[in-house]
Amino acid sequence: MVSNQDEMGKLLDVLGNDTRRRILLLLTKRPYFVSELSQELGVGQKAVLEHLRILENAGLIEGRTEKIPRGRPRKYYTIRRGFRLEILLTPYIFGTSMYEPKRPLETERYKQARELIKSANPTEIKVKELAEFLEEVEEKINEYVKMKQELEEVRLLTETYIENLMRRIARENARMFEKLMEEIAPMLPEEVLKDLKRIKKELPL
């Protein structure tokens, strides 16, 4: 989680520009050369280069040079490989969550991938095995993403109900509220606990 407000502000400023968002959308489809982006966007190459510089400095994209049979090498741009960015906005959080490629943990899946990569099988068999493995990994990722969404919904529902229930208890029986707070405080997320403490301050002395 990027908690630094300045860093988050800079990132949101980068994404706040319509042309840069359009560039990112295009780059999710395939790599682009500057001249192609300029033509697609109807924006001059000089302006496109400036937007690309800003996006690259923000760590969202990367440029790679490609040699061509004739003429000078050309640079094309892509979304950073393995990069994932989420904007988080909940009743308790406003910020960004980033995943950046790091050295993988030595998990069973990682070991399985390494074994397939180092396999001495014929090329056509090796490619098929890797493609099947990649399909399994993609399915697992989609499963986890869906599970995360479902759990977020369940968490929000439960948090809201606890707050509403505790608010009602606070109005009806301050002593019971205090007793329950002592018992459940260690189990609650910090954000929910802050809200309950605000309710506690509102109790009559």
N, C-alpha and C. Protein backbone atom coordinates (compact mmCIF):
# COMPACT_ATOMS: atom_id res chain seq x y z
N MET A 1 0.84 -1.18 0.00
CA MET A 1 0.00 0.00 0.00
C MET A 1 0.88 1.23 0.00
N VAL A 2 0.60 2.17 -0.89
CA VAL A 2 1.32 3.44 -0.92
C VAL A 2 0.60 4.39 0.03
N SER A 3 1.18 4.61 1.21
CA SER A 3 0.52 5.43 2.21
C SER A 3 0.94 6.89 2.14
N ASN A 4 2.09 7.15 1.51
CA ASN A 4 2.58 8.52 1.42
C ASN A 4 1.65 9.35 0.55
N GLN A 5 1.06 10.39 1.14
CA GLN A 5 0.07 11.19 0.43
C GLN A 5 0.65 11.91 -0.77
N ASP A 6 1.91 12.35 -0.66
CA ASP A 6 2.55 13.04 -1.79
C ASP A 6 2.71 12.10 -2.97
N GLU A 7 3.19 10.87 -2.69
CA GLU A 7 3.38 9.89 -3.76
C GLU A 7 2.07 9.52 -4.42
N MET A 8 1.04 9.34 -3.58
CA MET A 8 -0.27 9.00 -4.13
C MET A 8 -0.81 10.15 -4.97
N GLY A 9 -0.60 11.37 -4.50
CA GLY A 9 -1.05 12.55 -5.24
C GLY A 9 -0.39 12.65 -6.60
N LYS A 10 0.92 12.38 -6.64
CA LYS A 10 1.66 12.44 -7.92
C LYS A 10 1.12 11.40 -8.89
N LEU A 11 0.86 10.19 -8.38
CA LEU A 11 0.35 9.12 -9.24
C LEU A 11 -1.03 9.46 -9.79
N LEU A 12 -1.90 9.99 -8.93
CA LEU A 12 -3.25 10.35 -9.39
C LEU A 12 -3.20 11.52 -10.37
N ASP A 13 -2.23 12.41 -10.20
CA ASP A 13 -2.05 13.50 -11.18
C ASP A 13 -1.65 12.94 -12.54
N VAL A 14 -0.76 11.95 -12.53
CA VAL A 14 -0.35 11.31 -13.79
C VAL A 14 -1.55 10.69 -14.49
N LEU A 15 -2.39 9.99 -13.72
CA LEU A 15 -3.55 9.31 -14.30
C LEU A 15 -4.70 10.27 -14.59
N GLY A 16 -4.61 11.49 -14.07
CA GLY A 16 -5.69 12.45 -14.27
C GLY A 16 -5.74 13.06 -15.66
N ASN A 17 -4.69 12.84 -16.44
CA ASN A 17 -4.63 13.40 -17.79
C ASN A 17 -5.28 12.45 -18.79
N ASP A 18 -6.21 12.97 -19.60
CA ASP A 18 -6.97 12.14 -20.53
C ASP A 18 -6.07 11.47 -21.57
N THR A 19 -5.10 12.20 -22.12
CA THR A 19 -4.21 11.63 -23.14
C THR A 19 -3.39 10.48 -22.57
N ARG A 20 -2.90 10.65 -21.33
CA ARG A 20 -2.11 9.57 -20.72
C ARG A 20 -2.96 8.34 -20.45
N ARG A 21 -4.21 8.56 -20.05
CA ARG A 21 -5.10 7.41 -19.85
C ARG A 21 -5.36 6.69 -21.17
N ARG A 22 -5.51 7.44 -22.24
CA ARG A 22 -5.73 6.83 -23.56
C ARG A 22 -4.49 6.05 -24.02
N ILE A 23 -3.31 6.59 -23.71
CA ILE A 23 -2.07 5.87 -24.03
C ILE A 23 -2.03 4.54 -23.28
N LEU A 24 -2.33 4.58 -21.99
CA LEU A 24 -2.31 3.35 -21.19
C LEU A 24 -3.31 2.33 -21.73
N LEU A 25 -4.48 2.81 -22.13
CA LEU A 25 -5.50 1.91 -22.67
C LEU A 25 -5.00 1.23 -23.95
N LEU A 26 -4.35 2.01 -24.82
CA LEU A 26 -3.80 1.43 -26.05
C LEU A 26 -2.71 0.41 -25.74
N LEU A 27 -1.86 0.72 -24.75
CA LEU A 27 -0.75 -0.17 -24.43
C LEU A 27 -1.20 -1.47 -23.77
N THR A 28 -2.42 -1.50 -23.24
CA THR A 28 -2.93 -2.77 -22.70
C THR A 28 -3.26 -3.74 -23.82
N LYS A 29 -3.39 -3.23 -25.05
CA LYS A 29 -3.74 -4.08 -26.20
C LYS A 29 -2.50 -4.67 -26.86
N ARG A 30 -1.44 -3.84 -27.00
CA ARG A 30 -0.19 -4.31 -27.63
C ARG A 30 0.87 -3.23 -27.46
N PRO A 31 2.15 -3.55 -27.74
CA PRO A 31 3.20 -2.51 -27.71
C PRO A 31 2.98 -1.52 -28.86
N TYR A 32 3.40 -0.27 -28.64
CA TYR A 32 3.24 0.78 -29.66
C TYR A 32 4.54 1.56 -29.82
N PHE A 33 4.81 1.96 -31.06
CA PHE A 33 5.86 2.94 -31.33
C PHE A 33 5.27 4.33 -31.16
N VAL A 34 6.13 5.32 -30.98
CA VAL A 34 5.67 6.71 -30.79
C VAL A 34 4.83 7.17 -31.98
N SER A 35 5.29 6.87 -33.19
CA SER A 35 4.57 7.31 -34.39
C SER A 35 3.17 6.70 -34.45
N GLU A 36 3.03 5.45 -34.01
CA GLU A 36 1.72 4.80 -34.00
C GLU A 36 0.79 5.45 -32.98
N LEU A 37 1.33 5.74 -31.80
CA LEU A 37 0.52 6.40 -30.77
C LEU A 37 0.08 7.78 -31.24
N SER A 38 0.99 8.49 -31.87
CA SER A 38 0.68 9.81 -32.37
C SER A 38 -0.49 9.76 -33.37
N GLN A 39 -0.45 8.77 -34.24
CA GLN A 39 -1.49 8.63 -35.26
C GLN A 39 -2.83 8.23 -34.63
N GLU A 40 -2.78 7.27 -33.70
CA GLU A 40 -4.00 6.80 -33.05
C GLU A 40 -4.68 7.90 -32.24
N LEU A 41 -3.87 8.71 -31.56
CA LEU A 41 -4.40 9.73 -30.65
C LEU A 41 -4.70 11.06 -31.34
N GLY A 42 -4.10 11.26 -32.51
CA GLY A 42 -4.24 12.55 -33.17
C GLY A 42 -3.48 13.63 -32.42
N VAL A 43 -2.35 13.25 -31.83
CA VAL A 43 -1.52 14.16 -31.04
C VAL A 43 -0.11 14.14 -31.61
N GLY A 44 0.56 15.29 -31.64
CA GLY A 44 1.91 15.37 -32.18
C GLY A 44 2.89 14.47 -31.44
N GLN A 45 3.92 14.02 -32.16
CA GLN A 45 4.88 13.08 -31.58
C GLN A 45 5.63 13.69 -30.39
N LYS A 46 5.91 14.98 -30.46
CA LYS A 46 6.62 15.64 -29.36
C LYS A 46 5.80 15.57 -28.07
N ALA A 47 4.49 15.83 -28.19
CA ALA A 47 3.60 15.77 -27.03
C ALA A 47 3.48 14.34 -26.52
N VAL A 48 3.38 13.37 -27.44
CA VAL A 48 3.29 11.96 -27.06
C VAL A 48 4.54 11.54 -26.29
N LEU A 49 5.71 11.96 -26.77
CA LEU A 49 6.96 11.63 -26.09
C LEU A 49 6.98 12.17 -24.66
N GLU A 50 6.45 13.36 -24.47
CA GLU A 50 6.41 13.95 -23.12
C GLU A 50 5.49 13.14 -22.21
N HIS A 51 4.33 12.74 -22.73
CA HIS A 51 3.42 11.91 -21.94
C HIS A 51 4.06 10.57 -21.60
N LEU A 52 4.76 9.99 -22.56
CA LEU A 52 5.43 8.71 -22.33
C LEU A 52 6.53 8.85 -21.27
N ARG A 53 7.23 9.97 -21.32
CA ARG A 53 8.29 10.23 -20.31
C ARG A 53 7.68 10.26 -18.92
N ILE A 54 6.54 10.95 -18.78
CA ILE A 54 5.87 11.06 -17.48
C ILE A 54 5.40 9.69 -17.00
N LEU A 55 4.82 8.92 -17.90
CA LEU A 55 4.33 7.58 -17.53
C LEU A 55 5.48 6.64 -17.17
N GLU A 56 6.60 6.79 -17.88
CA GLU A 56 7.76 5.94 -17.60
C GLU A 56 8.39 6.32 -16.27
N ASN A 57 8.48 7.61 -15.98
CA ASN A 57 9.03 8.06 -14.71
C ASN A 57 8.16 7.62 -13.53
N ALA A 58 6.85 7.51 -13.79
CA ALA A 58 5.92 7.06 -12.74
C ALA A 58 5.98 5.55 -12.54
N GLY A 59 6.74 4.86 -13.41
CA GLY A 59 6.89 3.41 -13.26
C GLY A 59 5.75 2.60 -13.84
N LEU A 60 4.92 3.23 -14.68
CA LEU A 60 3.75 2.53 -15.22
C LEU A 60 4.05 1.82 -16.54
N ILE A 61 4.98 2.34 -17.31
CA ILE A 61 5.30 1.74 -18.61
C ILE A 61 6.81 1.60 -18.74
N GLU A 62 7.24 0.89 -19.77
CA GLU A 62 8.67 0.76 -20.05
C GLU A 62 8.90 0.80 -21.55
N GLY A 63 10.03 1.34 -21.93
CA GLY A 63 10.38 1.42 -23.34
C GLY A 63 11.46 0.40 -23.68
N ARG A 64 11.36 -0.19 -24.87
CA ARG A 64 12.36 -1.16 -25.32
C ARG A 64 12.75 -0.83 -26.75
N THR A 65 14.01 -0.97 -27.02
CA THR A 65 14.52 -0.67 -28.36
C THR A 65 14.52 -1.94 -29.22
N GLU A 66 14.01 -1.79 -30.44
CA GLU A 66 13.92 -2.93 -31.37
C GLU A 66 14.74 -2.63 -32.62
N LYS A 67 15.61 -3.55 -32.97
CA LYS A 67 16.40 -3.39 -34.19
C LYS A 67 15.54 -3.73 -35.40
N ILE A 68 15.69 -2.98 -36.46
CA ILE A 68 14.97 -3.25 -37.69
C ILE A 68 15.97 -3.46 -38.82
N PRO A 69 15.56 -4.22 -39.87
CA PRO A 69 16.52 -4.54 -40.95
C PRO A 69 17.18 -3.31 -41.56
N ARG A 70 16.41 -2.25 -41.77
CA ARG A 70 16.95 -1.03 -42.35
C ARG A 70 16.63 0.16 -41.47
N GLY A 71 17.57 1.03 -41.34
CA GLY A 71 17.34 2.24 -40.55
C GLY A 71 17.76 2.07 -39.10
N ARG A 72 17.54 3.12 -38.35
CA ARG A 72 17.94 3.13 -36.94
C ARG A 72 16.99 2.28 -36.11
N PRO A 73 17.49 1.75 -34.97
CA PRO A 73 16.60 1.00 -34.07
C PRO A 73 15.43 1.88 -33.64
N ARG A 74 14.28 1.27 -33.40
CA ARG A 74 13.09 2.00 -32.99
C ARG A 74 12.70 1.59 -31.57
N LYS A 75 12.20 2.55 -30.83
CA LYS A 75 11.80 2.29 -29.45
C LYS A 75 10.29 2.11 -29.39
N TYR A 76 9.86 1.05 -28.74
CA TYR A 76 8.42 0.86 -28.53
C TYR A 76 8.14 0.80 -27.03
N TYR A 77 6.87 1.00 -26.70
CA TYR A 77 6.48 1.10 -25.29
C TYR A 77 5.44 0.06 -24.93
N THR A 78 5.52 -0.43 -23.70
CA THR A 78 4.55 -1.40 -23.18
C THR A 78 4.24 -1.07 -21.72
N ILE A 79 3.14 -1.61 -21.23
CA ILE A 79 2.90 -1.58 -19.79
C ILE A 79 3.98 -2.43 -19.13
N ARG A 80 4.48 -2.02 -18.00
CA ARG A 80 5.53 -2.80 -17.33
C ARG A 80 5.08 -4.23 -17.10
N ARG A 81 5.88 -5.16 -17.50
CA ARG A 81 5.52 -6.56 -17.40
C ARG A 81 5.38 -6.98 -15.94
N GLY A 82 4.27 -7.66 -15.63
CA GLY A 82 4.04 -8.13 -14.27
C GLY A 82 3.53 -7.06 -13.32
N PHE A 83 3.36 -5.84 -13.84
CA PHE A 83 2.94 -4.71 -12.99
C PHE A 83 1.43 -4.70 -12.84
N ARG A 84 0.97 -4.39 -11.64
CA ARG A 84 -0.47 -4.28 -11.39
C ARG A 84 -0.71 -3.09 -10.45
N LEU A 85 -1.68 -2.27 -10.81
CA LEU A 85 -2.00 -1.09 -10.00
C LEU A 85 -3.49 -1.07 -9.73
N GLU A 86 -3.85 -0.88 -8.46
CA GLU A 86 -5.26 -0.75 -8.08
C GLU A 86 -5.44 0.55 -7.29
N ILE A 87 -6.51 1.27 -7.61
CA ILE A 87 -6.89 2.44 -6.81
C ILE A 87 -7.89 1.96 -5.78
N LEU A 88 -7.60 2.16 -4.51
CA LEU A 88 -8.46 1.68 -3.44
C LEU A 88 -9.27 2.82 -2.84
N LEU A 89 -10.56 2.64 -2.80
CA LEU A 89 -11.44 3.61 -2.15
C LEU A 89 -12.50 2.83 -1.40
N THR A 90 -12.40 2.83 -0.07
CA THR A 90 -13.36 2.14 0.78
C THR A 90 -13.80 3.14 1.85
N PRO A 91 -14.75 2.77 2.70
CA PRO A 91 -15.12 3.70 3.79
C PRO A 91 -13.95 4.06 4.71
N TYR A 92 -12.85 3.27 4.62
CA TYR A 92 -11.73 3.51 5.54
C TYR A 92 -10.41 3.81 4.85
N ILE A 93 -10.32 3.55 3.56
CA ILE A 93 -9.04 3.65 2.87
C ILE A 93 -9.18 4.42 1.57
N PHE A 94 -8.23 5.30 1.31
CA PHE A 94 -8.10 5.90 -0.01
C PHE A 94 -6.63 5.87 -0.34
N GLY A 95 -6.28 5.12 -1.33
CA GLY A 95 -4.87 5.02 -1.67
C GLY A 95 -4.67 4.12 -2.88
N THR A 96 -3.44 3.71 -3.08
CA THR A 96 -3.12 2.86 -4.22
C THR A 96 -2.43 1.60 -3.73
N SER A 97 -2.69 0.53 -4.43
CA SER A 97 -2.05 -0.74 -4.13
C SER A 97 -1.30 -1.19 -5.38
N MET A 98 -0.01 -1.45 -5.26
CA MET A 98 0.80 -1.84 -6.41
C MET A 98 1.41 -3.21 -6.20
N TYR A 99 1.47 -3.97 -7.29
CA TYR A 99 2.25 -5.19 -7.30
C TYR A 99 3.35 -4.99 -8.33
N GLU A 100 4.58 -5.18 -7.91
CA GLU A 100 5.71 -5.07 -8.83
C GLU A 100 6.49 -6.38 -8.81
N PRO A 101 6.96 -6.80 -9.99
CA PRO A 101 7.70 -8.07 -10.06
C PRO A 101 8.89 -8.08 -9.11
N LYS A 102 8.97 -9.12 -8.32
CA LYS A 102 10.10 -9.30 -7.41
C LYS A 102 10.60 -10.74 -7.57
N ARG A 103 11.62 -11.07 -6.85
CA ARG A 103 12.11 -12.46 -6.90
C ARG A 103 11.03 -13.37 -6.35
N PRO A 104 10.55 -14.34 -7.15
CA PRO A 104 9.46 -15.21 -6.68
C PRO A 104 9.88 -16.03 -5.47
N LEU A 105 8.91 -16.34 -4.62
CA LEU A 105 9.15 -17.24 -3.51
C LEU A 105 9.32 -18.66 -4.05
N GLU A 106 10.06 -19.46 -3.33
CA GLU A 106 10.32 -20.83 -3.78
C GLU A 106 9.12 -21.72 -3.46
N THR A 107 8.00 -21.43 -4.08
CA THR A 107 6.78 -22.21 -3.86
C THR A 107 6.77 -23.43 -4.79
N GLU A 108 5.79 -24.31 -4.57
CA GLU A 108 5.67 -25.48 -5.43
C GLU A 108 5.38 -25.08 -6.87
N ARG A 109 4.53 -24.06 -7.03
CA ARG A 109 4.21 -23.58 -8.39
C ARG A 109 5.47 -23.05 -9.08
N TYR A 110 6.27 -22.31 -8.33
CA TYR A 110 7.50 -21.75 -8.90
C TYR A 110 8.44 -22.88 -9.32
N LYS A 111 8.59 -23.87 -8.45
CA LYS A 111 9.46 -25.00 -8.76
C LYS A 111 8.95 -25.76 -9.99
N GLN A 112 7.63 -25.89 -10.07
CA GLN A 112 7.04 -26.58 -11.22
C GLN A 112 7.34 -25.81 -12.51
N ALA A 113 7.24 -24.48 -12.44
CA ALA A 113 7.55 -23.66 -13.62
C ALA A 113 9.01 -23.82 -14.02
N ARG A 114 9.90 -23.80 -13.03
CA ARG A 114 11.33 -23.95 -13.32
C ARG A 114 11.63 -25.30 -13.96
N GLU A 115 10.97 -26.35 -13.47
CA GLU A 115 11.18 -27.68 -14.03
C GLU A 115 10.74 -27.75 -15.49
N LEU A 116 9.60 -27.11 -15.78
CA LEU A 116 9.10 -27.09 -17.16
C LEU A 116 10.04 -26.30 -18.07
N ILE A 117 10.56 -25.19 -17.56
CA ILE A 117 11.46 -24.34 -18.34
C ILE A 117 12.78 -25.07 -18.63
N LYS A 118 13.27 -25.83 -17.64
CA LYS A 118 14.54 -26.54 -17.80
C LYS A 118 14.39 -27.91 -18.46
N SER A 119 13.15 -28.27 -18.75
CA SER A 119 12.88 -29.59 -19.32
C SER A 119 13.67 -29.81 -20.62
N ALA A 120 14.10 -31.06 -20.79
CA ALA A 120 14.85 -31.42 -22.00
C ALA A 120 13.93 -32.01 -23.07
N ASN A 121 12.63 -31.89 -22.88
CA ASN A 121 11.67 -32.42 -23.86
C ASN A 121 11.83 -31.70 -25.21
N PRO A 122 11.41 -32.34 -26.29
CA PRO A 122 11.42 -31.65 -27.59
C PRO A 122 10.66 -30.33 -27.52
N THR A 123 11.08 -29.38 -28.33
CA THR A 123 10.53 -28.02 -28.26
C THR A 123 9.02 -27.97 -28.35
N GLU A 124 8.43 -28.73 -29.30
CA GLU A 124 6.98 -28.65 -29.48
C GLU A 124 6.23 -29.17 -28.25
N ILE A 125 6.79 -30.19 -27.59
CA ILE A 125 6.18 -30.72 -26.37
C ILE A 125 6.35 -29.73 -25.22
N LYS A 126 7.55 -29.17 -25.12
CA LYS A 126 7.86 -28.21 -24.05
C LYS A 126 6.95 -27.00 -24.12
N VAL A 127 6.72 -26.47 -25.32
CA VAL A 127 5.86 -25.29 -25.49
C VAL A 127 4.44 -25.61 -25.06
N LYS A 128 3.94 -26.78 -25.44
CA LYS A 128 2.57 -27.18 -25.08
C LYS A 128 2.43 -27.33 -23.57
N GLU A 129 3.45 -27.93 -22.95
CA GLU A 129 3.41 -28.11 -21.49
C GLU A 129 3.41 -26.76 -20.77
N LEU A 130 4.24 -25.84 -21.25
CA LEU A 130 4.29 -24.50 -20.65
C LEU A 130 2.98 -23.76 -20.85
N ALA A 131 2.37 -23.91 -22.03
CA ALA A 131 1.10 -23.25 -22.32
C ALA A 131 0.00 -23.79 -21.41
N GLU A 132 -0.02 -25.11 -21.19
CA GLU A 132 -1.02 -25.72 -20.31
C GLU A 132 -0.82 -25.24 -18.87
N PHE A 133 0.46 -25.16 -18.45
CA PHE A 133 0.76 -24.70 -17.09
C PHE A 133 0.33 -23.24 -16.92
N LEU A 134 0.60 -22.41 -17.94
CA LEU A 134 0.23 -21.00 -17.89
C LEU A 134 -1.30 -20.86 -17.79
N GLU A 135 -2.02 -21.71 -18.52
CA GLU A 135 -3.48 -21.67 -18.47
C GLU A 135 -3.97 -21.98 -17.05
N GLU A 136 -3.35 -22.97 -16.40
CA GLU A 136 -3.71 -23.32 -15.02
C GLU A 136 -3.45 -22.15 -14.07
N VAL A 137 -2.29 -21.49 -14.25
CA VAL A 137 -1.94 -20.35 -13.39
C VAL A 137 -2.94 -19.22 -13.58
N GLU A 138 -3.30 -18.95 -14.83
CA GLU A 138 -4.26 -17.87 -15.13
C GLU A 138 -5.61 -18.16 -14.50
N GLU A 139 -6.05 -19.40 -14.57
CA GLU A 139 -7.33 -19.79 -13.95
C GLU A 139 -7.27 -19.59 -12.44
N LYS A 140 -6.13 -19.93 -11.83
CA LYS A 140 -5.98 -19.78 -10.38
C LYS A 140 -5.99 -18.31 -9.99
N ILE A 141 -5.33 -17.46 -10.79
CA ILE A 141 -5.33 -16.02 -10.52
C ILE A 141 -6.75 -15.47 -10.58
N ASN A 142 -7.50 -15.84 -11.62
CA ASN A 142 -8.88 -15.37 -11.75
C ASN A 142 -9.74 -15.85 -10.59
N GLU A 143 -9.47 -17.06 -10.12
CA GLU A 143 -10.20 -17.62 -8.98
C GLU A 143 -9.93 -16.79 -7.73
N TYR A 144 -8.66 -16.43 -7.52
CA TYR A 144 -8.29 -15.65 -6.33
C TYR A 144 -8.86 -14.23 -6.40
N VAL A 145 -8.85 -13.63 -7.59
CA VAL A 145 -9.41 -12.29 -7.75
C VAL A 145 -10.89 -12.29 -7.42
N LYS A 146 -11.62 -13.29 -7.93
CA LYS A 146 -13.05 -13.39 -7.64
C LYS A 146 -13.29 -13.61 -6.16
N MET A 147 -12.45 -14.46 -5.55
CA MET A 147 -12.59 -14.73 -4.12
C MET A 147 -12.35 -13.46 -3.31
N LYS A 148 -11.35 -12.68 -3.73
CA LYS A 148 -11.05 -11.43 -3.03
C LYS A 148 -12.24 -10.49 -3.09
N GLN A 149 -12.85 -10.36 -4.27
CA GLN A 149 -14.01 -9.48 -4.43
C GLN A 149 -15.15 -9.93 -3.52
N GLU A 150 -15.40 -11.23 -3.49
CA GLU A 150 -16.48 -11.76 -2.65
C GLU A 150 -16.21 -11.50 -1.18
N LEU A 151 -14.95 -11.71 -0.76
CA LEU A 151 -14.59 -11.49 0.65
C LEU A 151 -14.68 -10.01 1.02
N GLU A 152 -14.32 -9.12 0.09
CA GLU A 152 -14.44 -7.69 0.35
C GLU A 152 -15.89 -7.31 0.60
N GLU A 153 -16.81 -7.88 -0.20
CA GLU A 153 -18.23 -7.59 -0.02
C GLU A 153 -18.74 -8.11 1.32
N VAL A 154 -18.31 -9.33 1.69
CA VAL A 154 -18.71 -9.90 2.97
C VAL A 154 -18.16 -9.08 4.12
N ARG A 155 -16.90 -8.63 3.98
CA ARG A 155 -16.28 -7.82 5.04
C ARG A 155 -17.03 -6.52 5.23
N LEU A 156 -17.37 -5.84 4.13
CA LEU A 156 -18.08 -4.57 4.22
C LEU A 156 -19.45 -4.76 4.89
N LEU A 157 -20.15 -5.81 4.50
CA LEU A 157 -21.46 -6.09 5.09
C LEU A 157 -21.34 -6.31 6.59
N THR A 158 -20.34 -7.12 7.00
CA THR A 158 -20.17 -7.45 8.41
C THR A 158 -19.74 -6.23 9.22
N GLU A 159 -18.79 -5.46 8.69
CA GLU A 159 -18.33 -4.25 9.39
C GLU A 159 -19.47 -3.27 9.60
N THR A 160 -20.27 -3.07 8.57
CA THR A 160 -21.39 -2.12 8.66
C THR A 160 -22.39 -2.57 9.71
N TYR A 161 -22.68 -3.88 9.73
CA TYR A 161 -23.65 -4.38 10.70
C TYR A 161 -23.13 -4.24 12.13
N ILE A 162 -21.83 -4.56 12.35
CA ILE A 162 -21.25 -4.42 13.69
C ILE A 162 -21.35 -2.97 14.16
N GLU A 163 -21.00 -2.04 13.28
CA GLU A 163 -21.06 -0.62 13.66
C GLU A 163 -22.48 -0.19 14.02
N ASN A 164 -23.44 -0.55 13.18
CA ASN A 164 -24.82 -0.17 13.44
C ASN A 164 -25.33 -0.79 14.74
N LEU A 165 -24.98 -2.05 14.97
CA LEU A 165 -25.42 -2.75 16.18
C LEU A 165 -24.79 -2.12 17.41
N MET A 166 -23.50 -1.83 17.34
CA MET A 166 -22.81 -1.23 18.49
C MET A 166 -23.31 0.18 18.75
N ARG A 167 -23.68 0.90 17.70
CA ARG A 167 -24.24 2.24 17.88
C ARG A 167 -25.56 2.16 18.64
N ARG A 168 -26.37 1.16 18.30
CA ARG A 168 -27.65 1.00 18.98
C ARG A 168 -27.44 0.61 20.44
N ILE A 169 -26.47 -0.31 20.69
CA ILE A 169 -26.17 -0.72 22.06
C ILE A 169 -25.67 0.48 22.87
N ALA A 170 -24.85 1.32 22.23
CA ALA A 170 -24.31 2.50 22.92
C ALA A 170 -25.44 3.42 23.38
N ARG A 171 -26.47 3.55 22.57
CA ARG A 171 -27.60 4.42 22.94
C ARG A 171 -28.43 3.82 24.07
N GLU A 172 -28.53 2.48 24.06
CA GLU A 172 -29.43 1.82 25.01
C GLU A 172 -28.76 1.40 26.31
N ASN A 173 -27.46 1.04 26.23
CA ASN A 173 -26.80 0.52 27.43
C ASN A 173 -25.30 0.79 27.33
N ALA A 174 -24.88 1.92 27.88
CA ALA A 174 -23.48 2.33 27.78
C ALA A 174 -22.54 1.32 28.44
N ARG A 175 -22.98 0.73 29.55
CA ARG A 175 -22.12 -0.23 30.26
C ARG A 175 -21.88 -1.48 29.40
N MET A 176 -22.95 -1.96 28.75
CA MET A 176 -22.80 -3.12 27.87
C MET A 176 -21.87 -2.79 26.70
N PHE A 177 -22.00 -1.59 26.19
CA PHE A 177 -21.13 -1.15 25.08
C PHE A 177 -19.68 -1.22 25.50
N GLU A 178 -19.37 -0.69 26.69
CA GLU A 178 -18.00 -0.69 27.19
C GLU A 178 -17.48 -2.12 27.34
N LYS A 179 -18.33 -3.00 27.87
CA LYS A 179 -17.92 -4.40 28.09
C LYS A 179 -17.64 -5.09 26.76
N LEU A 180 -18.52 -4.88 25.79
CA LEU A 180 -18.33 -5.49 24.49
C LEU A 180 -17.08 -4.96 23.78
N MET A 181 -16.84 -3.67 23.95
CA MET A 181 -15.66 -3.06 23.33
C MET A 181 -14.38 -3.73 23.83
N GLU A 182 -14.32 -4.00 25.12
CA GLU A 182 -13.14 -4.66 25.69
C GLU A 182 -12.96 -6.05 25.09
N GLU A 183 -14.07 -6.76 24.87
CA GLU A 183 -14.01 -8.14 24.40
C GLU A 183 -13.67 -8.25 22.91
N ILE A 184 -14.26 -7.36 22.10
CA ILE A 184 -14.12 -7.52 20.65
C ILE A 184 -13.00 -6.66 20.04
N ALA A 185 -12.50 -5.68 20.79
CA ALA A 185 -11.48 -4.77 20.24
C ALA A 185 -10.28 -5.52 19.63
N PRO A 186 -9.75 -6.57 20.29
CA PRO A 186 -8.58 -7.25 19.70
C PRO A 186 -8.90 -7.96 18.37
N MET A 187 -10.16 -8.22 18.10
CA MET A 187 -10.53 -8.96 16.89
C MET A 187 -10.82 -8.06 15.70
N LEU A 188 -11.01 -6.78 15.93
CA LEU A 188 -11.50 -5.89 14.88
C LEU A 188 -10.38 -5.23 14.09
N PRO A 189 -10.62 -4.97 12.79
CA PRO A 189 -9.67 -4.17 12.00
C PRO A 189 -9.54 -2.78 12.61
N GLU A 190 -8.38 -2.18 12.44
CA GLU A 190 -8.10 -0.88 13.04
C GLU A 190 -9.11 0.19 12.62
N GLU A 191 -9.53 0.15 11.35
CA GLU A 191 -10.46 1.17 10.85
C GLU A 191 -11.81 1.09 11.55
N VAL A 192 -12.32 -0.14 11.74
CA VAL A 192 -13.60 -0.33 12.42
C VAL A 192 -13.48 0.10 13.87
N LEU A 193 -12.35 -0.24 14.48
CA LEU A 193 -12.12 0.12 15.89
C LEU A 193 -12.13 1.63 16.07
N LYS A 194 -11.56 2.36 15.11
CA LYS A 194 -11.56 3.82 15.19
C LYS A 194 -12.99 4.37 15.19
N ASP A 195 -13.83 3.80 14.33
CA ASP A 195 -15.22 4.25 14.27
C ASP A 195 -15.95 3.97 15.58
N LEU A 196 -15.70 2.81 16.17
CA LEU A 196 -16.35 2.47 17.43
C LEU A 196 -15.85 3.37 18.56
N LYS A 197 -14.59 3.75 18.50
CA LYS A 197 -14.06 4.66 19.52
C LYS A 197 -14.70 6.03 19.40
N ARG A 198 -15.02 6.44 18.15
CA ARG A 198 -15.73 7.71 17.97
C ARG A 198 -17.12 7.63 18.57
N ILE A 199 -17.76 6.47 18.41
CA ILE A 199 -19.09 6.27 19.01
C ILE A 199 -18.97 6.38 20.52
N LYS A 200 -17.91 5.79 21.05
CA LYS A 200 -17.69 5.80 22.52
C LYS A 200 -17.57 7.23 23.03
N LYS A 201 -16.89 8.10 22.27
CA LYS A 201 -16.73 9.49 22.70
C LYS A 201 -18.05 10.24 22.75
N GLU A 202 -19.01 9.77 21.94
CA GLU A 202 -20.30 10.42 21.88
C GLU A 202 -21.23 10.01 23.02
N LEU A 203 -20.80 8.97 23.79
CA LEU A 203 -21.64 8.51 24.89
C LEU A 203 -21.75 9.60 25.96
N PRO A 204 -22.92 9.73 26.57
CA PRO A 204 -23.06 10.71 27.68
C PRO A 204 -22.24 10.31 28.87
N LEU A 205 -21.65 11.27 29.54
CA LEU A 205 -20.82 10.98 30.72
C LEU A 205 -21.70 10.57 31.89
